N, C-alpha and C. Protein backbone atom coordinates (compact mmCIF):
# COMPACT_ATOMS: atom_id res chain seq x y z
N UNK A 1 102.50 163.27 105.22
CA UNK A 1 103.59 162.48 105.76
C UNK A 1 103.10 161.73 106.99
N UNK A 2 103.44 160.47 107.07
CA UNK A 2 103.03 159.62 108.18
C UNK A 2 103.98 159.81 109.35
N UNK A 3 103.42 159.88 110.55
CA UNK A 3 104.23 159.99 111.77
C UNK A 3 105.02 158.70 111.98
N UNK A 4 106.20 158.80 112.54
CA UNK A 4 107.00 157.59 112.79
C UNK A 4 106.33 156.68 113.81
N UNK A 5 106.64 155.39 113.72
CA UNK A 5 105.97 154.38 114.55
C UNK A 5 106.06 154.68 116.04
N UNK A 6 107.17 155.24 116.51
CA UNK A 6 107.33 155.48 117.95
C UNK A 6 106.42 156.59 118.45
N UNK A 7 105.82 157.34 117.51
CA UNK A 7 104.87 158.39 117.90
C UNK A 7 103.43 157.91 117.78
N UNK A 8 103.20 156.81 117.08
CA UNK A 8 101.83 156.36 116.84
C UNK A 8 101.49 155.04 117.53
N UNK A 9 102.50 154.31 117.99
CA UNK A 9 102.27 153.01 118.61
C UNK A 9 102.73 153.02 120.06
N UNK A 10 102.07 152.20 120.86
CA UNK A 10 102.58 151.96 122.20
C UNK A 10 103.68 150.92 122.08
N UNK A 11 104.45 150.76 123.13
CA UNK A 11 105.49 149.73 123.11
C UNK A 11 104.90 148.35 122.89
N UNK A 12 103.72 148.09 123.43
CA UNK A 12 103.05 146.80 123.26
C UNK A 12 102.63 146.54 121.82
N UNK A 13 102.39 147.60 121.06
CA UNK A 13 101.92 147.46 119.68
C UNK A 13 103.04 147.33 118.65
N UNK A 14 104.26 147.55 119.06
CA UNK A 14 105.37 147.54 118.10
C UNK A 14 105.73 146.13 117.66
N UNK A 15 106.19 146.04 116.43
CA UNK A 15 106.71 144.76 115.92
C UNK A 15 108.06 144.50 116.58
N UNK A 16 108.54 143.28 116.45
CA UNK A 16 109.86 142.95 117.01
C UNK A 16 110.94 143.82 116.39
N UNK A 17 110.85 144.06 115.10
CA UNK A 17 111.84 144.90 114.42
C UNK A 17 111.78 146.34 114.93
N UNK A 18 110.59 146.89 115.09
CA UNK A 18 110.45 148.25 115.61
C UNK A 18 111.01 148.32 117.03
N UNK A 19 110.66 147.34 117.86
CA UNK A 19 111.13 147.29 119.24
C UNK A 19 112.66 147.32 119.29
N UNK A 20 113.29 146.44 118.52
CA UNK A 20 114.75 146.35 118.51
C UNK A 20 115.39 147.65 118.02
N UNK A 21 114.75 148.33 117.08
CA UNK A 21 115.32 149.56 116.53
C UNK A 21 115.32 150.70 117.53
N UNK A 22 114.56 150.57 118.60
CA UNK A 22 114.55 151.62 119.62
C UNK A 22 115.85 151.68 120.42
N UNK A 23 116.55 150.57 120.49
CA UNK A 23 117.82 150.56 121.23
C UNK A 23 118.81 151.44 120.49
N UNK A 24 119.34 152.44 121.19
CA UNK A 24 120.29 153.36 120.56
C UNK A 24 121.73 152.88 120.65
N UNK A 25 121.96 151.77 121.37
CA UNK A 25 123.31 151.22 121.48
C UNK A 25 124.21 152.00 122.41
N UNK A 26 123.64 152.69 123.38
CA UNK A 26 124.47 153.48 124.30
C UNK A 26 125.26 152.60 125.27
N UNK A 27 124.75 151.41 125.58
CA UNK A 27 125.43 150.50 126.48
C UNK A 27 125.15 150.72 127.95
N UNK A 28 124.43 151.76 128.31
CA UNK A 28 124.20 152.06 129.72
C UNK A 28 123.41 150.98 130.46
N UNK A 29 122.48 150.34 129.79
CA UNK A 29 121.68 149.32 130.48
C UNK A 29 122.51 148.07 130.77
N UNK A 30 123.63 147.90 130.10
CA UNK A 30 124.49 146.73 130.30
C UNK A 30 125.57 146.96 131.34
N UNK A 31 125.49 148.08 132.04
CA UNK A 31 126.42 148.36 133.13
C UNK A 31 125.86 147.77 134.42
N UNK A 32 126.75 147.28 135.26
CA UNK A 32 126.32 146.72 136.54
C UNK A 32 125.80 147.82 137.45
N UNK A 33 124.78 147.44 138.20
CA UNK A 33 124.19 148.33 139.17
C UNK A 33 124.25 147.66 140.54
N UNK A 34 124.28 148.46 141.57
CA UNK A 34 124.28 147.94 142.94
C UNK A 34 123.04 148.48 143.65
N UNK A 35 122.43 147.64 144.47
CA UNK A 35 121.27 148.07 145.23
C UNK A 35 121.56 147.85 146.72
N UNK A 36 121.39 148.90 147.50
CA UNK A 36 121.58 148.81 148.94
C UNK A 36 120.49 147.94 149.54
N UNK A 37 120.88 146.92 150.27
CA UNK A 37 119.92 145.97 150.83
C UNK A 37 118.96 146.62 151.82
N UNK A 38 119.42 147.62 152.56
CA UNK A 38 118.56 148.26 153.56
C UNK A 38 117.67 149.33 152.97
N UNK A 39 118.25 150.23 152.18
CA UNK A 39 117.49 151.37 151.67
C UNK A 39 116.90 151.14 150.29
N UNK A 40 117.38 150.12 149.59
CA UNK A 40 117.00 149.84 148.20
C UNK A 40 117.49 150.92 147.23
N UNK A 41 118.37 151.80 147.70
CA UNK A 41 118.93 152.83 146.82
C UNK A 41 119.76 152.17 145.72
N UNK A 42 119.65 152.72 144.54
CA UNK A 42 120.33 152.19 143.36
C UNK A 42 121.59 153.00 143.09
N UNK A 43 122.68 152.31 142.82
CA UNK A 43 123.94 152.96 142.42
C UNK A 43 124.38 152.37 141.09
N UNK A 44 124.83 153.24 140.21
CA UNK A 44 125.35 152.81 138.92
C UNK A 44 126.85 152.65 139.00
N UNK A 45 127.39 151.78 138.16
CA UNK A 45 128.84 151.64 138.05
C UNK A 45 129.25 151.87 136.60
N UNK A 46 130.55 151.95 136.39
CA UNK A 46 131.07 152.06 135.02
C UNK A 46 131.60 150.71 134.54
N UNK A 47 131.09 149.63 135.13
CA UNK A 47 131.53 148.28 134.82
C UNK A 47 130.51 147.60 133.92
N UNK A 48 130.96 147.16 132.77
CA UNK A 48 130.08 146.56 131.76
C UNK A 48 130.02 145.05 131.89
N UNK A 49 128.90 144.51 131.51
CA UNK A 49 128.72 143.06 131.37
C UNK A 49 129.86 142.53 130.51
N UNK A 50 130.27 141.32 130.80
CA UNK A 50 131.40 140.74 130.07
C UNK A 50 131.14 140.59 128.58
N UNK A 51 129.88 140.57 128.15
CA UNK A 51 129.58 140.45 126.72
C UNK A 51 129.53 141.80 126.00
N UNK A 52 129.52 142.89 126.74
CA UNK A 52 129.45 144.19 126.09
C UNK A 52 130.82 144.56 125.53
N UNK A 53 130.86 144.83 124.25
CA UNK A 53 132.08 145.30 123.61
C UNK A 53 132.27 146.75 124.05
N UNK A 54 133.31 147.01 124.83
CA UNK A 54 133.47 148.35 125.40
C UNK A 54 133.82 149.41 124.35
N UNK A 55 134.28 148.99 123.18
CA UNK A 55 134.61 149.93 122.11
C UNK A 55 133.37 150.34 121.32
N UNK A 56 132.43 149.41 121.13
CA UNK A 56 131.25 149.71 120.31
C UNK A 56 129.98 149.87 121.13
N UNK A 57 130.00 149.43 122.39
CA UNK A 57 128.83 149.43 123.27
C UNK A 57 127.69 148.56 122.71
N UNK A 58 128.06 147.50 122.05
CA UNK A 58 127.10 146.51 121.56
C UNK A 58 127.43 145.15 122.15
N UNK A 59 126.41 144.33 122.31
CA UNK A 59 126.61 142.99 122.85
C UNK A 59 127.41 142.17 121.84
N UNK A 60 128.43 141.50 122.33
CA UNK A 60 129.29 140.72 121.44
C UNK A 60 128.67 139.38 121.05
N UNK A 61 127.60 138.98 121.74
CA UNK A 61 126.91 137.73 121.40
C UNK A 61 125.42 137.87 121.74
N UNK A 62 124.79 138.81 121.09
CA UNK A 62 123.39 139.16 121.39
C UNK A 62 122.46 137.95 121.30
N UNK A 63 122.63 137.13 120.29
CA UNK A 63 121.74 135.98 120.10
C UNK A 63 121.83 134.96 121.23
N UNK A 64 123.00 134.82 121.84
CA UNK A 64 123.22 133.81 122.88
C UNK A 64 123.41 134.41 124.27
N UNK A 65 123.06 135.66 124.45
CA UNK A 65 123.37 136.35 125.70
C UNK A 65 122.72 135.72 126.93
N UNK A 66 121.52 135.19 126.81
CA UNK A 66 120.84 134.62 127.97
C UNK A 66 121.49 133.32 128.43
N UNK A 67 122.05 132.57 127.50
CA UNK A 67 122.75 131.34 127.86
C UNK A 67 124.09 131.65 128.51
N UNK A 68 124.73 132.71 128.06
CA UNK A 68 126.06 133.06 128.57
C UNK A 68 126.02 133.93 129.82
N UNK A 69 124.95 134.72 129.97
CA UNK A 69 124.79 135.61 131.12
C UNK A 69 123.38 135.38 131.67
N UNK A 70 123.24 134.41 132.58
CA UNK A 70 121.90 134.02 133.06
C UNK A 70 121.08 135.15 133.67
N UNK A 71 121.72 136.19 134.21
CA UNK A 71 120.93 137.28 134.79
C UNK A 71 120.70 138.44 133.81
N UNK A 72 121.02 138.23 132.53
CA UNK A 72 120.70 139.22 131.51
C UNK A 72 119.18 139.33 131.42
N UNK A 73 118.68 140.53 131.30
CA UNK A 73 117.24 140.78 131.30
C UNK A 73 116.72 140.89 129.87
N UNK A 74 115.66 140.15 129.58
CA UNK A 74 114.95 140.31 128.30
C UNK A 74 113.98 141.47 128.49
N UNK A 75 114.30 142.60 127.92
CA UNK A 75 113.46 143.78 128.09
C UNK A 75 112.17 143.62 127.28
N UNK A 76 111.06 143.75 127.97
CA UNK A 76 109.73 143.70 127.35
C UNK A 76 108.92 144.87 127.92
N UNK A 77 107.80 145.21 127.29
CA UNK A 77 106.98 146.27 127.87
C UNK A 77 106.57 145.98 129.32
N UNK A 78 106.24 144.73 129.62
CA UNK A 78 105.83 144.39 130.99
C UNK A 78 106.99 144.56 131.97
N UNK A 79 108.17 144.07 131.61
CA UNK A 79 109.35 144.20 132.48
C UNK A 79 109.71 145.67 132.66
N UNK A 80 109.60 146.43 131.59
CA UNK A 80 109.93 147.85 131.62
C UNK A 80 109.14 148.57 132.71
N UNK A 81 107.91 148.17 132.92
CA UNK A 81 107.05 148.82 133.92
C UNK A 81 107.42 148.43 135.34
N UNK A 82 108.24 147.38 135.50
CA UNK A 82 108.61 146.90 136.83
C UNK A 82 110.01 147.33 137.28
N UNK A 83 110.88 147.70 136.36
CA UNK A 83 112.25 148.01 136.72
C UNK A 83 112.46 149.52 136.87
N UNK A 84 113.47 149.88 137.65
CA UNK A 84 113.75 151.30 137.88
C UNK A 84 115.17 151.68 137.51
N UNK A 85 115.88 150.81 136.81
CA UNK A 85 117.30 151.04 136.58
C UNK A 85 117.68 151.44 135.16
N UNK A 86 116.72 151.56 134.26
CA UNK A 86 117.08 152.05 132.92
C UNK A 86 117.44 153.52 133.01
N UNK A 87 118.45 153.95 132.28
CA UNK A 87 118.84 155.36 132.33
C UNK A 87 117.72 156.25 131.79
N UNK A 88 117.67 157.49 132.23
CA UNK A 88 116.60 158.40 131.77
C UNK A 88 116.67 158.69 130.28
N UNK A 89 117.80 158.44 129.65
CA UNK A 89 117.95 158.67 128.21
C UNK A 89 117.47 157.48 127.37
N UNK A 90 117.15 156.35 128.00
CA UNK A 90 116.76 155.14 127.29
C UNK A 90 115.47 155.36 126.49
N UNK A 91 115.48 154.98 125.23
CA UNK A 91 114.31 155.17 124.36
C UNK A 91 113.09 154.42 124.88
N UNK A 92 113.29 153.21 125.37
CA UNK A 92 112.15 152.43 125.89
C UNK A 92 111.51 153.17 127.06
N UNK A 93 112.34 153.64 127.97
CA UNK A 93 111.83 154.38 129.13
C UNK A 93 111.18 155.68 128.70
N UNK A 94 111.83 156.41 127.80
CA UNK A 94 111.29 157.70 127.35
C UNK A 94 109.92 157.54 126.69
N UNK A 95 109.79 156.53 125.84
CA UNK A 95 108.50 156.33 125.16
C UNK A 95 107.44 155.90 126.16
N UNK A 96 107.80 155.00 127.07
CA UNK A 96 106.84 154.58 128.09
C UNK A 96 106.37 155.77 128.93
N UNK A 97 107.25 156.72 129.17
CA UNK A 97 106.92 157.91 129.96
C UNK A 97 106.31 159.03 129.12
N UNK A 98 106.14 158.80 127.81
CA UNK A 98 105.53 159.80 126.94
C UNK A 98 106.46 160.93 126.54
N UNK A 99 107.76 160.72 126.62
CA UNK A 99 108.73 161.78 126.31
C UNK A 99 109.29 161.72 124.90
N UNK A 100 109.02 160.67 124.15
CA UNK A 100 109.51 160.58 122.78
C UNK A 100 111.01 160.37 122.70
N UNK A 101 111.53 160.37 121.50
CA UNK A 101 112.96 160.13 121.28
C UNK A 101 113.73 161.45 121.24
N UNK A 102 114.93 161.47 121.82
CA UNK A 102 115.74 162.68 121.75
C UNK A 102 116.28 162.89 120.33
N UNK A 103 116.69 164.09 120.03
CA UNK A 103 117.17 164.41 118.68
C UNK A 103 118.38 163.59 118.27
N UNK A 104 119.18 163.13 119.24
CA UNK A 104 120.39 162.37 118.91
C UNK A 104 120.12 160.89 118.66
N UNK A 105 118.90 160.43 118.89
CA UNK A 105 118.60 159.01 118.68
C UNK A 105 118.76 158.68 117.20
N UNK A 106 119.38 157.53 116.87
CA UNK A 106 119.61 157.17 115.46
C UNK A 106 118.35 157.14 114.59
N UNK A 107 117.21 156.82 115.16
CA UNK A 107 115.98 156.83 114.36
C UNK A 107 115.60 158.25 113.95
N UNK A 108 116.03 159.24 114.70
CA UNK A 108 115.76 160.64 114.34
C UNK A 108 116.91 161.27 113.57
N UNK A 109 118.14 160.97 113.98
CA UNK A 109 119.30 161.62 113.34
C UNK A 109 119.74 160.92 112.06
N UNK A 110 119.41 159.63 111.94
CA UNK A 110 119.82 158.87 110.77
C UNK A 110 121.20 158.25 110.89
N UNK A 111 121.86 158.43 112.03
CA UNK A 111 123.20 157.86 112.22
C UNK A 111 123.42 157.51 113.69
N UNK A 112 124.17 156.45 113.92
CA UNK A 112 124.47 156.07 115.30
C UNK A 112 125.58 156.95 115.89
N UNK A 113 126.24 157.73 115.07
CA UNK A 113 127.31 158.61 115.55
C UNK A 113 126.79 159.62 116.57
N UNK A 114 125.54 160.03 116.44
CA UNK A 114 125.00 161.05 117.34
C UNK A 114 124.84 160.54 118.77
N UNK A 115 124.76 159.23 118.95
CA UNK A 115 124.69 158.67 120.30
C UNK A 115 126.00 158.97 121.03
N UNK A 116 127.10 158.90 120.31
CA UNK A 116 128.41 159.18 120.88
C UNK A 116 128.61 160.69 121.06
N UNK A 117 128.34 161.46 120.02
CA UNK A 117 128.59 162.91 120.10
C UNK A 117 127.68 163.61 121.10
N UNK A 118 126.53 163.03 121.40
CA UNK A 118 125.62 163.62 122.38
C UNK A 118 126.07 163.37 123.81
N UNK A 119 126.95 162.40 124.00
CA UNK A 119 127.35 162.03 125.35
C UNK A 119 126.49 160.93 125.94
N UNK A 120 125.55 160.39 125.16
CA UNK A 120 124.69 159.33 125.67
C UNK A 120 125.41 158.00 125.74
N UNK A 121 126.35 157.77 124.87
CA UNK A 121 127.06 156.50 124.81
C UNK A 121 127.99 156.31 126.01
N UNK A 122 128.13 155.06 126.42
CA UNK A 122 129.08 154.71 127.48
C UNK A 122 130.49 154.56 126.91
N UNK A 123 130.63 154.61 125.62
CA UNK A 123 131.93 154.42 124.97
C UNK A 123 132.99 155.34 125.57
N UNK A 124 134.14 154.73 125.88
CA UNK A 124 135.25 155.49 126.42
C UNK A 124 135.18 155.74 127.92
N UNK A 125 134.09 155.30 128.57
CA UNK A 125 133.93 155.56 130.00
C UNK A 125 133.74 154.29 130.82
N UNK A 126 133.86 153.14 130.19
CA UNK A 126 133.55 151.89 130.87
C UNK A 126 134.69 150.89 130.80
N UNK A 127 134.61 149.92 131.70
CA UNK A 127 135.55 148.81 131.68
C UNK A 127 134.75 147.51 131.76
N UNK A 128 135.34 146.44 131.32
CA UNK A 128 134.69 145.14 131.36
C UNK A 128 134.73 144.58 132.78
N UNK A 129 133.72 143.81 133.11
CA UNK A 129 133.70 143.17 134.43
C UNK A 129 134.90 142.24 134.61
N UNK A 130 135.47 141.79 133.52
CA UNK A 130 136.65 140.91 133.59
C UNK A 130 137.86 141.64 134.19
N UNK A 131 137.88 142.97 134.08
CA UNK A 131 139.01 143.77 134.53
C UNK A 131 138.70 144.64 135.76
N UNK A 132 137.49 144.58 136.26
CA UNK A 132 137.04 145.57 137.24
C UNK A 132 137.43 145.31 138.69
N UNK A 133 137.41 144.09 139.14
CA UNK A 133 137.57 143.85 140.57
C UNK A 133 136.25 144.11 141.28
N UNK A 134 136.31 144.76 142.42
CA UNK A 134 135.11 145.02 143.23
C UNK A 134 134.23 146.10 142.59
N UNK A 135 132.96 145.79 142.39
CA UNK A 135 132.04 146.76 141.79
C UNK A 135 131.92 148.03 142.62
N UNK A 136 132.00 147.88 143.94
CA UNK A 136 131.88 149.03 144.83
C UNK A 136 132.94 150.08 144.56
N UNK A 137 134.05 149.68 143.95
CA UNK A 137 135.13 150.62 143.62
C UNK A 137 134.85 151.39 142.33
N UNK A 138 133.74 151.11 141.68
CA UNK A 138 133.46 151.71 140.37
C UNK A 138 132.11 152.43 140.32
N UNK A 139 131.60 152.84 141.47
CA UNK A 139 130.32 153.55 141.51
C UNK A 139 130.49 154.93 140.89
N UNK A 140 129.54 155.30 140.05
CA UNK A 140 129.54 156.61 139.38
C UNK A 140 128.09 157.01 139.14
N UNK A 141 127.85 158.27 138.86
CA UNK A 141 126.46 158.70 138.69
C UNK A 141 126.06 159.00 137.25
N UNK A 142 127.02 159.15 136.33
CA UNK A 142 126.65 159.55 134.96
C UNK A 142 125.69 158.60 134.25
N UNK A 143 125.73 157.27 134.47
CA UNK A 143 124.77 156.43 133.75
C UNK A 143 123.31 156.72 134.11
N UNK A 144 123.09 157.29 135.27
CA UNK A 144 121.73 157.59 135.71
C UNK A 144 121.28 159.00 135.39
N UNK A 145 122.09 159.73 134.64
CA UNK A 145 121.73 161.09 134.26
C UNK A 145 121.53 161.18 132.75
N UNK A 146 120.76 162.17 132.33
CA UNK A 146 120.62 162.45 130.90
C UNK A 146 121.93 163.02 130.38
N UNK A 147 122.27 162.73 129.13
CA UNK A 147 123.50 163.32 128.58
C UNK A 147 123.35 164.83 128.47
N UNK A 148 124.48 165.51 128.58
CA UNK A 148 124.47 166.95 128.41
C UNK A 148 124.36 167.27 126.93
N UNK A 149 123.72 168.36 126.63
CA UNK A 149 123.62 168.78 125.22
C UNK A 149 125.02 169.08 124.70
N UNK A 150 125.31 168.70 123.45
CA UNK A 150 126.65 168.98 122.92
C UNK A 150 126.91 170.48 122.82
N UNK A 151 128.15 170.83 123.07
CA UNK A 151 128.53 172.25 122.97
C UNK A 151 128.68 172.64 121.52
N UNK A 152 128.12 173.78 121.19
CA UNK A 152 128.26 174.30 119.83
C UNK A 152 129.49 175.18 119.75
N UNK A 153 130.21 175.07 118.66
CA UNK A 153 131.43 175.88 118.51
C UNK A 153 131.17 177.08 117.67
């Protein structure tokens, strides 16, 4: 049996299709972040980019996102090495750090439902920037933490 591509390739070696499939659709990277000008400390909010569908945690206009949201980031292996705001559960970050994919990732579980049941998804915990008001009023820490393991019954 051949090992999956994310175990045998670096991020730089992946095809565009492989790269895109690493996104688990959690929506955490599309949440606004605040950086303290003096300390450079990073704070996460529960406020989503206006293009993020808060029900599905997917971009509502992925193909045109850069034209509609000029500060949207095109994630690449090079950019990944420069930024510090991807959540610790992010597949791109995990692979770059040599941690592999978590069991709830759709490439391992075979379904996107596990992103929600694991607690990794932002679904149900976010609001659109259109409704938020001041970002400072929406600071939270969960986007910067790993999801808790699901409770077994």
